C-alpha atoms as a PDB file:
ATOM      1  CA  UNK A   1      -4.613 -16.354 -19.575  1.00  0.00           C
ATOM      2  CA  UNK A   2      -0.859 -16.283 -20.026  1.00  0.00           C
ATOM      3  CA  UNK A   3       0.615 -12.821 -19.745  1.00  0.00           C
ATOM      4  CA  UNK A   4       3.610 -11.316 -21.512  1.00  0.00           C
ATOM      5  CA  UNK A   5       4.297  -9.651 -18.166  1.00  0.00           C
ATOM      6  CA  UNK A   6       4.316 -12.903 -16.208  1.00  0.00           C
ATOM      7  CA  UNK A   7       7.801 -13.886 -15.121  1.00  0.00           C
ATOM      8  CA  UNK A   8       7.566 -17.635 -15.624  1.00  0.00           C
ATOM      9  CA  UNK A   9      10.820 -19.183 -14.397  1.00  0.00           C
ATOM     10  CA  UNK A  10      12.719 -15.879 -14.423  1.00  0.00           C
ATOM     11  CA  UNK A  11      14.039 -14.594 -11.082  1.00  0.00           C
ATOM     12  CA  UNK A  12      11.726 -12.087  -9.427  1.00  0.00           C
ATOM     13  CA  UNK A  13      12.642  -9.175  -7.219  1.00  0.00           C
ATOM     14  CA  UNK A  14      11.389  -9.424  -3.646  1.00  0.00           C
ATOM     15  CA  UNK A  15      11.075  -6.394  -1.371  1.00  0.00           C
ATOM     16  CA  UNK A  16      11.158  -6.104   2.408  1.00  0.00           C
ATOM     17  CA  UNK A  17       9.407  -2.757   2.795  1.00  0.00           C
ATOM     18  CA  UNK A  18       8.811  -1.002   6.125  1.00  0.00           C
ATOM     19  CA  UNK A  19       5.438   0.458   6.932  1.00  0.00           C
ATOM     20  CA  UNK A  20       2.208  -0.056   4.977  1.00  0.00           C
ATOM     21  CA  UNK A  21       2.288  -0.707   1.238  1.00  0.00           C
ATOM     22  CA  UNK A  22      -0.313  -1.878  -1.260  1.00  0.00           C
ATOM     23  CA  UNK A  23       0.988  -4.110  -4.069  1.00  0.00           C
ATOM     24  CA  UNK A  24      -0.886  -4.137  -7.386  1.00  0.00           C
ATOM     25  CA  UNK A  25      -0.117  -6.997  -9.751  1.00  0.00           C
ATOM     26  CA  UNK A  26       0.009  -6.188 -13.482  1.00  0.00           C
ATOM     27  CA  UNK A  27      -0.703  -8.641 -16.303  1.00  0.00           C
ATOM     28  CA  UNK A  28      -1.471  -8.156 -19.984  1.00  0.00           C
ATOM     29  CA  UNK A  29      -5.074  -7.565 -18.887  1.00  0.00           C
ATOM     30  CA  UNK A  30      -4.015  -4.573 -16.792  1.00  0.00           C
ATOM     31  CA  UNK A  31      -4.068  -3.976 -13.059  1.00  0.00           C
ATOM     32  CA  UNK A  32      -5.586  -6.497 -10.685  1.00  0.00           C
ATOM     33  CA  UNK A  33      -8.990  -5.019  -9.829  1.00  0.00           C
ATOM     34  CA  UNK A  34      -8.934  -6.691  -6.425  1.00  0.00           C
ATOM     35  CA  UNK A  35      -5.545  -5.154  -5.618  1.00  0.00           C
ATOM     36  CA  UNK A  36      -6.673  -1.699  -6.770  1.00  0.00           C
ATOM     37  CA  UNK A  37      -9.845  -1.816  -4.679  1.00  0.00           C
ATOM     38  CA  UNK A  38      -7.891  -2.899  -1.605  1.00  0.00           C
ATOM     39  CA  UNK A  39      -5.381  -0.097  -2.117  1.00  0.00           C
ATOM     40  CA  UNK A  40      -8.055   2.582  -2.575  1.00  0.00           C
ATOM     41  CA  UNK A  41      -9.987   1.421   0.483  1.00  0.00           C
ATOM     42  CA  UNK A  42      -6.809   1.288   2.563  1.00  0.00           C
ATOM     43  CA  UNK A  43      -5.527   4.728   1.593  1.00  0.00           C
ATOM     44  CA  UNK A  44      -8.751   6.745   1.218  1.00  0.00           C
ATOM     45  CA  UNK A  45     -11.018   4.799   3.571  1.00  0.00           C
ATOM     46  CA  UNK A  46     -14.681   3.733   3.277  1.00  0.00           C
ATOM     47  CA  UNK A  47     -16.379   7.000   4.304  1.00  0.00           C
ATOM     48  CA  UNK A  48     -19.374   8.002   2.163  1.00  0.00           C
ATOM     49  CA  UNK A  49     -18.078  11.544   1.682  1.00  0.00           C
ATOM     50  CA  UNK A  50     -14.860  10.148   0.155  1.00  0.00           C
ATOM     51  CA  UNK A  51     -16.622   8.403  -2.734  1.00  0.00           C
ATOM     52  CA  UNK A  52     -15.456  10.949  -5.310  1.00  0.00           C
ATOM     53  CA  UNK A  53     -11.861  10.698  -4.140  1.00  0.00           C
ATOM     54  CA  UNK A  54     -12.000   6.890  -4.187  1.00  0.00           C
ATOM     55  CA  UNK A  55     -13.291   6.859  -7.750  1.00  0.00           C
ATOM     56  CA  UNK A  56     -10.678   9.385  -8.845  1.00  0.00           C
ATOM     57  CA  UNK A  57      -7.831   7.433  -7.234  1.00  0.00           C
ATOM     58  CA  UNK A  58      -9.116   4.151  -8.675  1.00  0.00           C
ATOM     59  CA  UNK A  59      -9.109   5.547 -12.207  1.00  0.00           C
ATOM     60  CA  UNK A  60      -5.675   7.123 -11.782  1.00  0.00           C
ATOM     61  CA  UNK A  61      -4.156   3.865 -10.538  1.00  0.00           C
ATOM     62  CA  UNK A  62      -5.725   1.820 -13.340  1.00  0.00           C
ATOM     63  CA  UNK A  63      -4.409   4.315 -15.914  1.00  0.00           C
ATOM     64  CA  UNK A  64      -0.936   4.345 -14.329  1.00  0.00           C
ATOM     65  CA  UNK A  65      -0.781   0.548 -14.376  1.00  0.00           C
ATOM     66  CA  UNK A  66      -1.929   0.432 -17.999  1.00  0.00           C
ATOM     67  CA  UNK A  67       0.835   2.847 -18.974  1.00  0.00           C
ATOM     68  CA  UNK A  68       3.413   0.905 -16.958  1.00  0.00           C
ATOM     69  CA  UNK A  69       2.259  -2.349 -18.546  1.00  0.00           C
ATOM     70  CA  UNK A  70       3.282  -1.033 -21.957  1.00  0.00           C
ATOM     71  CA  UNK A  71       6.842  -0.752 -20.638  1.00  0.00           C
ATOM     72  CA  UNK A  72       6.906  -4.312 -19.322  1.00  0.00           C
ATOM     73  CA  UNK A  73       5.901  -3.618 -15.718  1.00  0.00           C
ATOM     74  CA  UNK A  74       4.998  -6.636 -13.599  1.00  0.00           C
ATOM     75  CA  UNK A  75       3.936  -4.872 -10.390  1.00  0.00           C
ATOM     76  CA  UNK A  76       3.428  -1.538  -8.686  1.00  0.00           C
ATOM     77  CA  UNK A  77       3.619  -0.802  -4.964  1.00  0.00           C
ATOM     78  CA  UNK A  78       1.803   2.166  -3.417  1.00  0.00           C
ATOM     79  CA  UNK A  79       3.101   3.456  -0.102  1.00  0.00           C
ATOM     80  CA  UNK A  80       0.757   4.755   2.579  1.00  0.00           C
ATOM     81  CA  UNK A  81       2.936   5.350   5.637  1.00  0.00           C
ATOM     82  CA  UNK A  82       6.303   4.391   7.076  1.00  0.00           C
ATOM     83  CA  UNK A  83       4.718   4.140  10.509  1.00  0.00           C
ATOM     84  CA  UNK A  84       1.433   5.237  12.034  1.00  0.00           C
ATOM     85  CA  UNK A  85       0.642   8.893  11.223  1.00  0.00           C
ATOM     86  CA  UNK A  86       3.795   9.207   9.077  1.00  0.00           C
ATOM     87  CA  UNK A  87       2.486   9.461   5.476  1.00  0.00           C
ATOM     88  CA  UNK A  88       4.816   8.176   2.776  1.00  0.00           C
ATOM     89  CA  UNK A  89       3.458   8.978  -0.711  1.00  0.00           C
ATOM     90  CA  UNK A  90       5.826   6.878  -2.815  1.00  0.00           C
ATOM     91  CA  UNK A  91       5.100   4.558  -5.723  1.00  0.00           C
ATOM     92  CA  UNK A  92       7.379   1.741  -6.861  1.00  0.00           C
ATOM     93  CA  UNK A  93       7.139   0.185 -10.323  1.00  0.00           C
ATOM     94  CA  UNK A  94       9.047  -2.954 -11.282  1.00  0.00           C
ATOM     95  CA  UNK A  95       9.775  -3.300 -15.011  1.00  0.00           C
ATOM     96  CA  UNK A  96      10.907  -6.722 -16.164  1.00  0.00           C
ATOM     97  CA  UNK A  97      10.320  -6.960 -19.928  1.00  0.00           C
ATOM     98  CA  UNK A  98      11.726 -10.177 -21.422  1.00  0.00           C
ATOM     99  CA  UNK A  99      13.740  -8.290 -24.039  1.00  0.00           C
ATOM    100  CA  UNK A 100      15.734  -6.164 -21.596  1.00  0.00           C
ATOM    101  CA  UNK A 101      18.954  -8.146 -21.870  1.00  0.00           C
ATOM    102  CA  UNK A 102      22.462  -7.178 -22.851  1.00  0.00           C
ATOM    103  CA  UNK A 103      24.255  -8.323 -26.004  1.00  0.00           C
ATOM    104  CA  UNK A 104      25.018 -12.061 -26.247  1.00  0.00           C
ATOM    105  CA  UNK A 105      28.641 -11.096 -26.891  1.00  0.00           C
ATOM    106  CA  UNK A 106      29.219 -10.083 -23.270  1.00  0.00           C
ATOM    107  CA  UNK A 107      29.407 -12.206 -20.134  1.00  0.00           C
ATOM    108  CA  UNK A 108      27.170 -12.300 -17.085  1.00  0.00           C
ATOM    109  CA  UNK A 109      29.382 -10.367 -14.665  1.00  0.00           C
ATOM    110  CA  UNK A 110      27.947  -7.067 -13.404  1.00  0.00           C
ATOM    111  CA  UNK A 111      30.998  -5.101 -14.611  1.00  0.00           C
ATOM    112  CA  UNK A 112      30.415  -6.250 -18.197  1.00  0.00           C
ATOM    113  CA  UNK A 113      26.662  -5.680 -18.099  1.00  0.00           C
ATOM    114  CA  UNK A 114      27.026  -2.233 -16.491  1.00  0.00           C
ATOM    115  CA  UNK A 115      29.742  -1.269 -18.958  1.00  0.00           C
ATOM    116  CA  UNK A 116      27.376  -1.754 -21.884  1.00  0.00           C
ATOM    117  CA  UNK A 117      24.562  -0.028 -20.002  1.00  0.00           C
ATOM    118  CA  UNK A 118      26.668   3.047 -19.232  1.00  0.00           C
ATOM    119  CA  UNK A 119      27.594   3.387 -22.903  1.00  0.00           C
ATOM    120  CA  UNK A 120      23.929   3.830 -23.747  1.00  0.00           C
ATOM    121  CA  UNK A 121      23.670   6.807 -21.377  1.00  0.00           C
ATOM    122  CA  UNK A 122      27.029   8.462 -21.954  1.00  0.00           C
ATOM    123  CA  UNK A 123      25.351  11.672 -23.198  1.00  0.00           C
ATOM    124  CA  UNK A 124      23.046  11.962 -20.159  1.00  0.00           C
ATOM    125  CA  UNK A 125      23.351  15.040 -17.932  1.00  0.00           C
ATOM    126  CA  UNK A 126      23.238  12.975 -14.755  1.00  0.00           C
ATOM    127  CA  UNK A 127      25.477  10.106 -13.726  1.00  0.00           C
ATOM    128  CA  UNK A 128      24.835   6.558 -12.631  1.00  0.00           C
ATOM    129  CA  UNK A 129      25.761   5.625  -9.065  1.00  0.00           C
ATOM    130  CA  UNK A 130      26.354   1.975  -8.207  1.00  0.00           C
ATOM    131  CA  UNK A 131      24.435   0.553  -5.241  1.00  0.00           C
ATOM    132  CA  UNK A 132      24.122  -2.896  -3.683  1.00  0.00           C
ATOM    133  CA  UNK A 133      21.077  -5.092  -3.217  1.00  0.00           C
ATOM    134  CA  UNK A 134      21.012  -8.127  -0.934  1.00  0.00           C
ATOM    135  CA  UNK A 135      22.270 -10.411  -3.710  1.00  0.00           C
ATOM    136  CA  UNK A 136      22.705  -8.126  -6.717  1.00  0.00           C
ATOM    137  CA  UNK A 137      24.183  -4.846  -7.900  1.00  0.00           C
ATOM    138  CA  UNK A 138      22.381  -1.941  -9.530  1.00  0.00           C
ATOM    139  CA  UNK A 139      23.012   1.419 -11.151  1.00  0.00           C
ATOM    140  CA  UNK A 140      20.964   4.306  -9.746  1.00  0.00           C
ATOM    141  CA  UNK A 141      19.828   7.282 -11.781  1.00  0.00           C
ATOM    142  CA  UNK A 142      17.966  10.298 -10.338  1.00  0.00           C
ATOM    143  CA  UNK A 143      15.587  12.465 -12.360  1.00  0.00           C
ATOM    144  CA  UNK A 144      13.774  15.594 -11.136  1.00  0.00           C
ATOM    145  CA  UNK A 145      10.758  16.384 -13.298  1.00  0.00           C
ATOM    146  CA  UNK A 146       8.076  19.068 -13.344  1.00  0.00           C
ATOM    147  CA  UNK A 147       4.733  17.559 -12.390  1.00  0.00           C
ATOM    148  CA  UNK A 148       1.782  19.381 -13.945  1.00  0.00           C
ATOM    149  CA  UNK A 149      -0.691  16.530 -13.453  1.00  0.00           C
ATOM    150  CA  UNK A 150      -2.157  17.846 -10.177  1.00  0.00           C
ATOM    151  CA  UNK A 151      -5.935  18.048 -10.497  1.00  0.00           C
ATOM    152  CA  UNK A 152      -8.728  18.223  -7.938  1.00  0.00           C
ATOM    153  CA  UNK A 153     -12.108  16.956  -9.089  1.00  0.00           C
ATOM    154  CA  UNK A 154     -14.870  19.414  -8.235  1.00  0.00           C
ATOM    155  CA  UNK A 155     -17.639  18.135  -5.932  1.00  0.00           C
ATOM    156  CA  UNK A 156     -21.229  18.572  -7.081  1.00  0.00           C
ATOM    157  CA  UNK A 157     -22.042  21.114  -4.351  1.00  0.00           C
ATOM    158  CA  UNK A 158     -18.869  23.201  -4.743  1.00  0.00           C
ATOM    159  CA  UNK A 159     -19.228  26.833  -3.662  1.00  0.00           C
ATOM    160  CA  UNK A 160     -17.651  29.739  -5.598  1.00  0.00           C
ATOM    161  CA  UNK A 161     -15.094  30.186  -2.814  1.00  0.00           C
ATOM    162  CA  UNK A 162     -14.134  26.494  -2.957  1.00  0.00           C
ATOM    163  CA  UNK A 163     -13.886  26.663  -6.737  1.00  0.00           C
ATOM    164  CA  UNK A 164     -11.505  29.614  -6.475  1.00  0.00           C
ATOM    165  CA  UNK A 165      -9.308  27.785  -3.954  1.00  0.00           C
ATOM    166  CA  UNK A 166      -9.259  24.677  -6.145  1.00  0.00           C
ATOM    167  CA  UNK A 167      -8.236  26.731  -9.180  1.00  0.00           C
ATOM    168  CA  UNK A 168      -5.372  28.334  -7.250  1.00  0.00           C
ATOM    169  CA  UNK A 169      -4.185  24.964  -5.954  1.00  0.00           C
ATOM    170  CA  UNK A 170      -4.025  23.577  -9.480  1.00  0.00           C
ATOM    171  CA  UNK A 171      -1.723  26.448 -10.511  1.00  0.00           C
ATOM    172  CA  UNK A 172       0.957  25.372  -8.050  1.00  0.00           C
ATOM    173  CA  UNK A 173       4.159  23.981  -9.535  1.00  0.00           C
ATOM    174  CA  UNK A 174       5.327  20.660  -8.162  1.00  0.00           C
ATOM    175  CA  UNK A 175       8.505  18.732  -8.732  1.00  0.00           C
ATOM    176  CA  UNK A 176       8.429  14.985  -9.022  1.00  0.00           C
ATOM    177  CA  UNK A 177      11.447  12.901  -8.098  1.00  0.00           C
ATOM    178  CA  UNK A 178      12.030   9.673  -9.992  1.00  0.00           C
ATOM    179  CA  UNK A 179      14.812   7.306  -8.999  1.00  0.00           C
ATOM    180  CA  UNK A 180      15.509   4.399 -11.342  1.00  0.00           C
ATOM    181  CA  UNK A 181      17.572   1.409 -10.251  1.00  0.00           C
ATOM    182  CA  UNK A 182      18.874  -0.658 -13.159  1.00  0.00           C
ATOM    183  CA  UNK A 183      19.328  -3.957 -11.350  1.00  0.00           C
ATOM    184  CA  UNK A 184      21.450  -6.749 -12.785  1.00  0.00           C
ATOM    185  CA  UNK A 185      19.858 -10.159 -12.283  1.00  0.00           C
ATOM    186  CA  UNK A 186      22.674 -12.341 -10.874  1.00  0.00           C
ATOM    187  CA  UNK A 187      24.419 -14.698 -13.325  1.00  0.00           C
ATOM    188  CA  UNK A 188      22.396 -13.436 -16.294  1.00  0.00           C
ATOM    189  CA  UNK A 189      22.512 -10.650 -18.878  1.00  0.00           C
ATOM    190  CA  UNK A 190      19.093  -9.422 -17.791  1.00  0.00           C
ATOM    191  CA  UNK A 191      18.270  -5.995 -16.359  1.00  0.00           C
ATOM    192  CA  UNK A 192      15.266  -5.207 -14.162  1.00  0.00           C
ATOM    193  CA  UNK A 193      14.307  -1.564 -13.632  1.00  0.00           C
ATOM    194  CA  UNK A 194      12.914  -0.527 -10.253  1.00  0.00           C
ATOM    195  CA  UNK A 195      11.459   2.979 -10.423  1.00  0.00           C
ATOM    196  CA  UNK A 196      10.617   4.988  -7.285  1.00  0.00           C
ATOM    197  CA  UNK A 197       8.415   8.068  -7.773  1.00  0.00           C
ATOM    198  CA  UNK A 198       7.503  10.713  -5.196  1.00  0.00           C
ATOM    199  CA  UNK A 199       6.494  14.373  -5.007  1.00  0.00           C
ATOM    200  CA  UNK A 200       8.854  14.865  -2.051  1.00  0.00           C
ATOM    201  CA  UNK A 201      11.711  16.148  -4.209  1.00  0.00           C
ATOM    202  CA  UNK A 202      12.399  18.916  -1.673  1.00  0.00           C
ATOM    203  CA  UNK A 203      14.027  16.315   0.594  1.00  0.00           C
ATOM    204  CA  UNK A 204      15.924  14.592  -2.187  1.00  0.00           C
ATOM    205  CA  UNK A 205      18.893  13.386  -0.159  1.00  0.00           C
ATOM    206  CA  UNK A 206      16.748  11.839   2.576  1.00  0.00           C
ATOM    207  CA  UNK A 207      14.584  10.069   0.013  1.00  0.00           C
ATOM    208  CA  UNK A 208      17.671   8.716  -1.756  1.00  0.00           C
ATOM    209  CA  UNK A 209      18.951   7.269   1.509  1.00  0.00           C
ATOM    210  CA  UNK A 210      15.612   5.554   2.109  1.00  0.00           C
ATOM    211  CA  UNK A 211      15.354   4.196  -1.429  1.00  0.00           C
ATOM    212  CA  UNK A 212      18.911   2.862  -1.256  1.00  0.00           C
ATOM    213  CA  UNK A 213      17.985   1.075   1.981  1.00  0.00           C
ATOM    214  CA  UNK A 214      14.918  -0.449   0.319  1.00  0.00           C
ATOM    215  CA  UNK A 215      17.098  -1.741  -2.514  1.00  0.00           C
ATOM    216  CA  UNK A 216      19.720  -3.028  -0.058  1.00  0.00           C
ATOM    217  CA  UNK A 217      17.017  -5.121   1.649  1.00  0.00           C
ATOM    218  CA  UNK A 218      15.618  -6.550  -1.608  1.00  0.00           C
ATOM    219  CA  UNK A 219      16.772  -9.670  -3.414  1.00  0.00           C
ATOM    220  CA  UNK A 220      16.160 -11.775  -6.497  1.00  0.00           C
ATOM    221  CA  UNK A 221      14.583 -15.165  -5.856  1.00  0.00           C
ATOM    222  CA  UNK A 222      13.654 -18.126  -8.052  1.00  0.00           C
ATOM    223  CA  UNK A 223      11.309 -21.053  -7.598  1.00  0.00           C
ATOM    224  CA  UNK A 224      14.243 -23.022  -6.240  1.00  0.00           C
ATOM    225  CA  UNK A 225      15.031 -20.412  -3.571  1.00  0.00           C
ATOM    226  CA  UNK A 226      14.359 -21.463   0.005  1.00  0.00           C
ATOM    227  CA  UNK A 227      10.894 -20.500   1.199  1.00  0.00           C
ATOM    228  CA  UNK A 228      12.438 -18.467   4.023  1.00  0.00           C
ATOM    229  CA  UNK A 229      14.020 -16.164   1.452  1.00  0.00           C
ATOM    230  CA  UNK A 230      10.938 -15.925  -0.741  1.00  0.00           C
ATOM    231  CA  UNK A 231       8.750 -15.064   2.230  1.00  0.00           C
ATOM    232  CA  UNK A 232       9.989 -11.489   2.420  1.00  0.00           C
ATOM    233  CA  UNK A 233       7.705 -10.544  -0.468  1.00  0.00           C
ATOM    234  CA  UNK A 234       4.701 -10.972   1.811  1.00  0.00           C
ATOM    235  CA  UNK A 235       5.691  -8.328   4.353  1.00  0.00           C
ATOM    236  CA  UNK A 236       4.225  -5.503   2.278  1.00  0.00           C
ATOM    237  CA  UNK A 237       1.239  -7.632   1.330  1.00  0.00           C
ATOM    238  CA  UNK A 238       0.542  -8.640   4.922  1.00  0.00           C
ATOM    239  CA  UNK A 239       0.686  -5.016   6.060  1.00  0.00           C
ATOM    240  CA  UNK A 240      -1.812  -4.094   3.376  1.00  0.00           C
ATOM    241  CA  UNK A 241      -4.113  -6.967   4.265  1.00  0.00           C
ATOM    242  CA  UNK A 242      -4.027  -6.107   7.959  1.00  0.00           C
ATOM    243  CA  UNK A 243      -4.769  -2.460   7.217  1.00  0.00           C
ATOM    244  CA  UNK A 244      -7.720  -3.250   4.958  1.00  0.00           C
ATOM    245  CA  UNK A 245      -9.252  -5.664   7.476  1.00  0.00           C
ATOM    246  CA  UNK A 246      -8.946  -3.350  10.489  1.00  0.00           C
END
């Protein structure tokens, strides 16, 4: 079935991500069930006593992808670790709705496209910062949000003491850091939004440096791009496949 979220002949953004990541493709039918299952197994593991956590994570990912789909998302990437025993809880969502293009009256140079884009956010409290991708330019915007979505599902055999600890944990206030990169597709008037989300807002500056490096190593490719260039998209997928098969 053809999907409104399929890119067709449009350029697609390819990442070269370090560590272990689990990509989840999104179509107009929602998240790829195979991708979600692989991600849940890779992050939570197959242990019998983790069944509740696996089910909870599965449902959360499916819901997150459904919400992202409404905004024109084509893929999400779920980070597990940068290297062995170095957890990296970061999600990446790529939004590429077909209607996200600048006015026909402007050209295709980044300065013109960014000029129009900045005008739409001139009343924002935060400022755009320009960053460079491998073959494109982007405007970065940082948002720190309160995250009140933390919830721990109670096990069937929960004791009163465990219930009290769970209730206290759910009262904790967390901050969520969202970093949006408004990427200009080269030689077009199209914008692609790459959104990084993490609960590690307490190390904001370090996370920004890492995200900027991820963007710097990414590039837009088309069907006519050399296979050597297009192959970088598989690095994250290969890491996920290796992890799930080990």
